[in-house]
């Protein structure tokens, strides 16, 4: 994929160009919800690679290839910014993606780490994520780059993504799985827990119930929104509130009950289109 393989439009102003957001599935809609709430004038183009979810069980080479194909799809919409709403891609492929285009690409890892470092009190931070994210050791490396004295405890939670994708968010099965994954982190006395997958905020209730009120939960969706907003403000490319933005949602495979899911994830319903990469 050559650099600058899609030319920037001279017709559409940079302010009016959309923000591209992508994920391996529907979990990235938690990031979209943050943008819709805090930047309601911005136009969003979302792509969820539901045909190949989850990315967390794939090899690094495969994750990089998928990420490049996802970027290629979004670039046809001439975005002013692309947000990688996937911890696995952010951990394994972000530098490769950023090297393929001059278009700004923001991942979810660093914003979450910066937030966790600000709020930890006992210097014991937990990280939960997909198997690939945890294997990459990207979070511990990034945390220790900033603060080498921090104790980082990690836990892969591979069943969390299927729970979200199947909308099993509030039943006893979710609680039992959360207890199984999180009990070791709880015993280790962490005071901050990074939700290292954009699917996981949908399981906040059961995670909070297991970890208790004294443990701060860091939502990567909230943090990447804050970083993106600062970036757009600095570049002076925030969209002016003239007409209502037209959002577009694309998936690589059918999403059963998408209207219900979008209402749950986004607080409103949208129409989804199916595309094949």
Foldseek 3Di string as FASTA:
>chain_A
DAECPDPADPVDDQLQQAEEEEEQACLLLLLVLLCCVPQVQGAYEYEHAPVDPDPLVDDLVVLQVVVQVSVVVVCVSNHQEYEYQWLLCVLRHVVVNVVRYVRHYHYLQVLLLVVQVVPWDVLEEEEEEANNNVVSCSNVVNNCVVPVVHHYHYWYLNCLVVCLLVVVQDDPVLLVSLCVTCVVVLVVPGQEYEHSGSSCVSNVVSNCVNNDDRRHYRHSSNRSVVVVVVVCVVVVSHHDNDDRHDYAAEYQDDRPPQQVSCCVSNVGGDDYYHDHD
